[in-house]
Amino acid sequence: MDEEEAIQSAVECINENLDSILVDIIKTKEKLRNARSISDVMAANKSLMYELLFNFPLESRECPFCWLYAEEDDGNYKFPKEKEDCADCEYGKTYGNCFEKGSTFDKIDKAMGRFMNALEHYWKEKRSGFNSGAPG
């Protein structure tokens, strides 16, 4: 695949993520419009944060460099799966191979994992004292 095709393929995939994020934002706005308790607001906020993380453009299909090294097989693409598959990757030469511990990609991936773990504890539904504005 040439560079122009790689760019176009990555852009299409990123745009799919953006469409998904826009749908999630609209759903969250609706949840917030209908919120009647602190719990409703917090749950909507937590849900949006999850969706934003799930749609971060960090998959191979969203990377023009991965498209450059993808192998086509009857219209299907197999992206690099090993460090050796990316020996000539410009991104890897500058920021560290994505498969290497300590690379920029590895740092982002680990930070996202920590954020997801923290988000698990961000809010638990229907906690006592937070369900409504009325005294309890």
C-alpha atoms as a PDB file:
ATOM      1  CA  MET A   1       0.000   0.000   0.000  1.00  0.00           C
ATOM      2  CA  ASP A   2       1.349   3.440  -0.802  1.00  0.00           C
ATOM      3  CA  GLU A   3       1.402   6.395   1.580  1.00  0.00           C
ATOM      4  CA  GLU A   4      -1.684   8.093   0.133  1.00  0.00           C
ATOM      5  CA  GLU A   5      -3.748   4.902   0.515  1.00  0.00           C
ATOM      6  CA  ALA A   6      -2.397   4.360   4.039  1.00  0.00           C
ATOM      7  CA  ILE A   7      -3.423   7.873   5.033  1.00  0.00           C
ATOM      8  CA  GLN A   8      -6.894   7.461   3.541  1.00  0.00           C
ATOM      9  CA  SER A   9      -7.433   4.101   5.247  1.00  0.00           C
ATOM     10  CA  ALA A  10      -6.371   5.430   8.658  1.00  0.00           C
ATOM     11  CA  VAL A  11      -8.497   8.577   8.239  1.00  0.00           C
ATOM     12  CA  GLU A  12     -11.586   6.493   7.400  1.00  0.00           C
ATOM     13  CA  CYS A  13     -11.119   4.414  10.550  1.00  0.00           C
ATOM     14  CA  ILE A  14     -10.512   7.443  12.747  1.00  0.00           C
ATOM     15  CA  ASN A  15     -13.638   9.066  11.313  1.00  0.00           C
ATOM     16  CA  GLU A  16     -15.624   5.948  12.257  1.00  0.00           C
ATOM     17  CA  ASN A  17     -14.411   6.437  15.830  1.00  0.00           C
ATOM     18  CA  LEU A  18     -15.364  10.082  15.733  1.00  0.00           C
ATOM     19  CA  ASP A  19     -18.859   9.131  14.559  1.00  0.00           C
ATOM     20  CA  SER A  20     -19.132   6.719  17.461  1.00  0.00           C
ATOM     21  CA  ILE A  21     -17.924   9.383  19.896  1.00  0.00           C
ATOM     22  CA  LEU A  22     -20.499  11.857  18.546  1.00  0.00           C
ATOM     23  CA  VAL A  23     -23.266   9.296  19.078  1.00  0.00           C
ATOM     24  CA  ASP A  24     -22.007   8.737  22.633  1.00  0.00           C
ATOM     25  CA  ILE A  25     -21.974  12.475  23.285  1.00  0.00           C
ATOM     26  CA  ILE A  26     -25.569  12.791  22.070  1.00  0.00           C
ATOM     27  CA  LYS A  27     -26.619   9.853  24.272  1.00  0.00           C
ATOM     28  CA  THR A  28     -24.859  11.407  27.252  1.00  0.00           C
ATOM     29  CA  LYS A  29     -26.539  14.763  26.652  1.00  0.00           C
ATOM     30  CA  GLU A  30     -29.898  12.963  26.672  1.00  0.00           C
ATOM     31  CA  LYS A  31     -29.013  11.144  29.903  1.00  0.00           C
ATOM     32  CA  LEU A  32     -28.011  14.453  31.472  1.00  0.00           C
ATOM     33  CA  ARG A  33     -31.189  16.167  30.293  1.00  0.00           C
ATOM     34  CA  ASN A  34     -33.152  13.411  32.013  1.00  0.00           C
ATOM     35  CA  ALA A  35     -30.980  13.279  35.144  1.00  0.00           C
ATOM     36  CA  ARG A  36     -32.964  13.565  38.335  1.00  0.00           C
ATOM     37  CA  SER A  37     -30.270  12.689  40.834  1.00  0.00           C
ATOM     38  CA  ILE A  38     -26.577  13.091  41.465  1.00  0.00           C
ATOM     39  CA  SER A  39     -26.265   9.385  40.737  1.00  0.00           C
ATOM     40  CA  ASP A  40     -27.800   9.912  37.266  1.00  0.00           C
ATOM     41  CA  VAL A  41     -25.280  12.655  36.491  1.00  0.00           C
ATOM     42  CA  MET A  42     -22.304  10.705  37.796  1.00  0.00           C
ATOM     43  CA  ALA A  43     -23.324   7.530  35.942  1.00  0.00           C
ATOM     44  CA  ALA A  44     -23.705   9.456  32.670  1.00  0.00           C
ATOM     45  CA  ASN A  45     -20.311  11.066  33.165  1.00  0.00           C
ATOM     46  CA  LYS A  46     -18.658   7.713  33.915  1.00  0.00           C
ATOM     47  CA  SER A  47     -20.288   6.122  30.882  1.00  0.00           C
ATOM     48  CA  LEU A  48     -19.024   8.902  28.607  1.00  0.00           C
ATOM     49  CA  MET A  49     -15.477   8.559  29.935  1.00  0.00           C
ATOM     50  CA  TYR A  50     -15.539   4.826  29.191  1.00  0.00           C
ATOM     51  CA  GLU A  51     -16.763   5.418  25.660  1.00  0.00           C
ATOM     52  CA  LEU A  52     -14.112   8.055  25.001  1.00  0.00           C
ATOM     53  CA  LEU A  53     -11.401   5.644  26.108  1.00  0.00           C
ATOM     54  CA  PHE A  54     -12.812   2.774  24.057  1.00  0.00           C
ATOM     55  CA  ASN A  55     -12.688   4.995  20.977  1.00  0.00           C
ATOM     56  CA  PHE A  56      -9.132   6.309  21.360  1.00  0.00           C
ATOM     57  CA  PRO A  57      -7.502   5.915  17.938  1.00  0.00           C
ATOM     58  CA  LEU A  58      -4.791   3.491  19.041  1.00  0.00           C
ATOM     59  CA  GLU A  59      -5.627   0.426  16.988  1.00  0.00           C
ATOM     60  CA  SER A  60      -3.483  -0.647  14.032  1.00  0.00           C
ATOM     61  CA  ARG A  61      -6.309   0.204  11.646  1.00  0.00           C
ATOM     62  CA  GLU A  62      -6.139   3.837  12.817  1.00  0.00           C
ATOM     63  CA  CYS A  63      -2.410   4.192  12.186  1.00  0.00           C
ATOM     64  CA  PRO A  64      -1.118   5.127   8.726  1.00  0.00           C
ATOM     65  CA  PHE A  65       2.244   3.532   9.567  1.00  0.00           C
ATOM     66  CA  CYS A  66       0.551   0.185  10.318  1.00  0.00           C
ATOM     67  CA  TRP A  67      -1.326   0.409   7.021  1.00  0.00           C
ATOM     68  CA  LEU A  68       1.987   0.831   5.207  1.00  0.00           C
ATOM     69  CA  TYR A  69       3.181  -2.514   6.604  1.00  0.00           C
ATOM     70  CA  ALA A  70      -0.132  -4.384   6.481  1.00  0.00           C
ATOM     71  CA  GLU A  71      -0.317  -7.416   4.256  1.00  0.00           C
ATOM     72  CA  GLU A  72      -3.319  -7.720   1.965  1.00  0.00           C
ATOM     73  CA  ASP A  73      -4.990 -11.082   1.493  1.00  0.00           C
ATOM     74  CA  ASP A  74      -8.093 -11.042  -0.754  1.00  0.00           C
ATOM     75  CA  GLY A  75      -9.149  -7.584   0.403  1.00  0.00           C
ATOM     76  CA  ASN A  76      -8.449  -8.315   4.072  1.00  0.00           C
ATOM     77  CA  TYR A  77      -5.495  -6.772   5.817  1.00  0.00           C
ATOM     78  CA  LYS A  78      -3.226  -8.383   8.373  1.00  0.00           C
ATOM     79  CA  PHE A  79      -1.513  -5.769  10.473  1.00  0.00           C
ATOM     80  CA  PRO A  80       1.918  -6.150  12.032  1.00  0.00           C
ATOM     81  CA  LYS A  81       1.815  -8.415  15.092  1.00  0.00           C
ATOM     82  CA  GLU A  82       5.474  -8.615  16.075  1.00  0.00           C
ATOM     83  CA  LYS A  83       8.283  -6.144  16.636  1.00  0.00           C
ATOM     84  CA  GLU A  84      10.122  -7.625  13.656  1.00  0.00           C
ATOM     85  CA  ASP A  85       7.189  -6.765  11.355  1.00  0.00           C
ATOM     86  CA  CYS A  86       7.897  -3.085  11.976  1.00  0.00           C
ATOM     87  CA  ALA A  87      11.657  -2.953  11.535  1.00  0.00           C
ATOM     88  CA  ASP A  88      11.434  -0.184   8.909  1.00  0.00           C
ATOM     89  CA  CYS A  89       8.621   1.825  10.534  1.00  0.00           C
ATOM     90  CA  GLU A  90       9.394   5.560  10.720  1.00  0.00           C
ATOM     91  CA  TYR A  91       7.167   5.972  13.772  1.00  0.00           C
ATOM     92  CA  GLY A  92       8.975   3.175  15.581  1.00  0.00           C
ATOM     93  CA  LYS A  93      12.370   4.623  14.761  1.00  0.00           C
ATOM     94  CA  THR A  94      11.355   7.961  16.296  1.00  0.00           C
ATOM     95  CA  TYR A  95       9.067   6.985  19.194  1.00  0.00           C
ATOM     96  CA  GLY A  96      10.012   3.396  19.865  1.00  0.00           C
ATOM     97  CA  ASN A  97       8.497   0.311  18.334  1.00  0.00           C
ATOM     98  CA  CYS A  98       4.901  -0.061  19.536  1.00  0.00           C
ATOM     99  CA  PHE A  99       5.667  -3.602  20.704  1.00  0.00           C
ATOM    100  CA  GLU A 100       8.571  -2.465  22.911  1.00  0.00           C
ATOM    101  CA  LYS A 101       8.234  -1.872  26.616  1.00  0.00           C
ATOM    102  CA  GLY A 102       8.759   1.823  27.300  1.00  0.00           C
ATOM    103  CA  SER A 103       7.791   3.008  23.811  1.00  0.00           C
ATOM    104  CA  THR A 104       5.418   5.944  23.494  1.00  0.00           C
ATOM    105  CA  PHE A 105       2.604   3.593  22.481  1.00  0.00           C
ATOM    106  CA  ASP A 106       3.345   1.321  25.457  1.00  0.00           C
ATOM    107  CA  LYS A 107       3.228   4.300  27.828  1.00  0.00           C
ATOM    108  CA  ILE A 108      -0.129   5.452  26.424  1.00  0.00           C
ATOM    109  CA  ASP A 109      -1.521   1.923  26.553  1.00  0.00           C
ATOM    110  CA  LYS A 110      -0.460   1.477  30.187  1.00  0.00           C
ATOM    111  CA  ALA A 111      -1.819   4.910  31.145  1.00  0.00           C
ATOM    112  CA  MET A 112      -5.157   4.017  29.568  1.00  0.00           C
ATOM    113  CA  GLY A 113      -5.206   0.768  31.535  1.00  0.00           C
ATOM    114  CA  ARG A 114      -4.579   2.684  34.762  1.00  0.00           C
ATOM    115  CA  PHE A 115      -7.296   5.182  33.843  1.00  0.00           C
ATOM    116  CA  MET A 116      -9.774   2.360  33.131  1.00  0.00           C
ATOM    117  CA  ASN A 117      -8.930   0.793  36.471  1.00  0.00           C
ATOM    118  CA  ALA A 118      -9.394   4.108  38.275  1.00  0.00           C
ATOM    119  CA  LEU A 119     -12.652   4.699  36.418  1.00  0.00           C
ATOM    120  CA  GLU A 120     -14.007   1.446  37.855  1.00  0.00           C
ATOM    121  CA  HIS A 121     -13.904   3.167  41.245  1.00  0.00           C
ATOM    122  CA  TYR A 122     -15.038   6.596  40.064  1.00  0.00           C
ATOM    123  CA  TRP A 123     -18.701   6.059  40.842  1.00  0.00           C
ATOM    124  CA  LYS A 124     -20.922   3.270  42.063  1.00  0.00           C
ATOM    125  CA  GLU A 125     -24.602   3.598  41.212  1.00  0.00           C
ATOM    126  CA  LYS A 126     -27.215   4.608  43.801  1.00  0.00           C
ATOM    127  CA  ARG A 127     -24.935   5.345  46.739  1.00  0.00           C
ATOM    128  CA  SER A 128     -26.772   6.228  49.906  1.00  0.00           C
ATOM    129  CA  GLY A 129     -27.170   9.943  50.380  1.00  0.00           C
ATOM    130  CA  PHE A 130     -26.497  10.809  46.745  1.00  0.00           C
ATOM    131  CA  ASN A 131     -29.687   9.626  45.049  1.00  0.00           C
ATOM    132  CA  SER A 132     -31.651  12.825  45.176  1.00  0.00           C
ATOM    133  CA  GLY A 133     -31.554  16.385  46.313  1.00  0.00           C
ATOM    134  CA  ALA A 134     -34.103  15.648  49.034  1.00  0.00           C
ATOM    135  CA  PRO A 135     -32.983  15.243  52.631  1.00  0.00           C
ATOM    136  CA  GLY A 136     -32.817  11.642  53.596  1.00  0.00           C
END
